[in-house]
Protein backbone atom coordinates (compact mmCIF):
# COMPACT_ATOMS: atom_id res chain seq x y z
CA MET A 1 9.47 -6.75 15.03
CA THR A 2 12.58 -4.98 14.81
CA ASN A 3 13.82 -1.52 14.63
CA GLN A 4 13.98 -1.16 10.97
CA ARG A 5 13.17 2.01 8.47
CA LEU A 6 9.28 1.01 6.68
CA ARG A 7 7.72 2.03 3.58
CA VAL A 8 4.07 2.25 2.27
CA ALA A 9 4.15 0.67 -0.76
CA GLN A 10 0.27 2.16 -1.30
CA GLU A 11 -1.72 4.98 -0.10
CA ASP A 12 -4.87 4.10 1.53
CA ARG A 13 -7.51 4.51 -0.11
CA LEU A 14 -11.39 4.69 -0.54
CA ARG A 15 -13.69 4.58 -3.73
CA LEU A 16 -17.38 5.12 -3.47
CA VAL A 17 -19.25 4.48 -6.30
CA PHE A 18 -22.38 6.32 -6.53
CA ASP A 19 -24.84 6.35 -9.86
CA ASP A 20 -23.94 10.37 -10.45
CA ALA A 21 -20.48 9.80 -9.41
CA VAL A 22 -17.74 7.80 -8.44
CA VAL A 23 -15.29 9.85 -5.38
CA ALA A 24 -11.91 8.41 -4.60
CA LEU A 25 -10.39 10.26 -1.28
CA ASP A 26 -7.82 9.08 0.99
CA LEU A 27 -7.62 7.70 4.42
CA LYS A 28 -5.26 8.58 7.20
CA TYR A 29 -3.46 6.16 8.70
CA GLY A 30 -4.89 4.01 11.61
CA ILE A 31 -8.48 5.19 10.66
CA THR A 32 -11.47 2.89 11.85
CA PHE A 33 -14.18 1.09 10.60
CA GLY A 34 -17.00 3.38 12.13
CA GLU A 35 -15.13 6.42 10.99
CA ILE A 36 -15.68 5.77 7.45
CA ALA A 37 -18.81 4.59 7.98
CA GLU A 38 -19.15 8.09 9.18
CA LEU A 39 -17.18 9.42 6.19
CA CYS A 40 -19.56 7.34 3.28
CA GLY A 41 -22.20 9.18 4.96
CA ALA A 42 -21.41 12.57 4.66
CA VAL A 43 -19.88 11.75 1.07
CA ALA A 44 -23.25 10.14 0.36
CA CYS A 45 -25.23 13.36 1.62
CA ARG A 46 -24.30 15.35 -1.36
CA HIS A 47 -24.99 12.36 -3.99
CA GLU A 48 -28.21 11.12 -5.87
CA GLY A 49 -28.79 8.10 -3.40
CA ALA A 50 -26.57 5.31 -1.40
CA PRO A 51 -23.27 4.39 -3.38
CA VAL A 52 -23.35 1.06 -4.99
CA ALA A 53 -20.05 -0.03 -4.62
CA ILE A 54 -17.66 0.93 -1.69
CA ASP A 55 -14.02 0.19 -2.21
CA VAL A 56 -11.48 0.19 0.52
CA MET A 57 -7.86 -0.23 -0.68
CA LEU A 58 -5.18 -1.13 2.62
CA GLY A 59 -1.58 -0.13 1.76
CA GLN A 60 1.27 -2.19 2.62
CA VAL A 61 3.90 -1.76 5.05
CA VAL A 62 7.31 -3.28 3.46
CA PRO A 63 10.95 -2.52 4.80
CA MET A 64 13.41 -0.63 3.14
CA ALA A 65 15.79 -3.57 2.96
CA VAL A 66 12.55 -5.23 0.36
CA ILE A 67 12.50 -2.12 -1.32
CA ALA A 68 16.52 -1.83 -1.94
CA ALA A 69 17.03 -5.50 -2.68
CA ALA A 70 14.22 -5.61 -5.24
CA SER A 71 15.20 -2.36 -6.96
CA MET A 72 19.48 -3.63 -7.39
CA ALA A 73 17.62 -6.28 -8.58
CA ARG A 74 16.26 -4.95 -10.88
CA ALA A 75 19.13 -2.54 -11.95
CA PRO A 76 21.03 -2.98 -15.49
CA ARG A 77 24.72 -4.15 -15.70
CA ARG A 78 27.33 -2.56 -17.03
CA PRO A 79 29.63 -4.79 -18.99
CA GLY A 80 32.58 -6.25 -17.14
CA THR A 81 31.20 -5.51 -13.48
CA VAL A 82 30.45 -7.32 -11.13
CA ARG A 83 27.75 -7.96 -8.60
CA HIS A 84 28.39 -9.19 -5.17
CA GLY A 85 25.89 -9.47 -2.24
């Protein structure tokens, strides 16, 4: 892969749904499934019963050039200007 600057478009998140609450947590980059399981266990101790749903959302790493091109495409044009590129 080329050495391009990258940006995370969406953060890594963990959401646990219990009968009595919904808990959402940020996940650190590179977390393992074992660490997620330990985290679920630690959070479950503070709520009634096991989670009824677990949702893991992983962010996407997007090259900055793609983000810049998308924002240029959405930028409004002033009358009489020509876009090159």
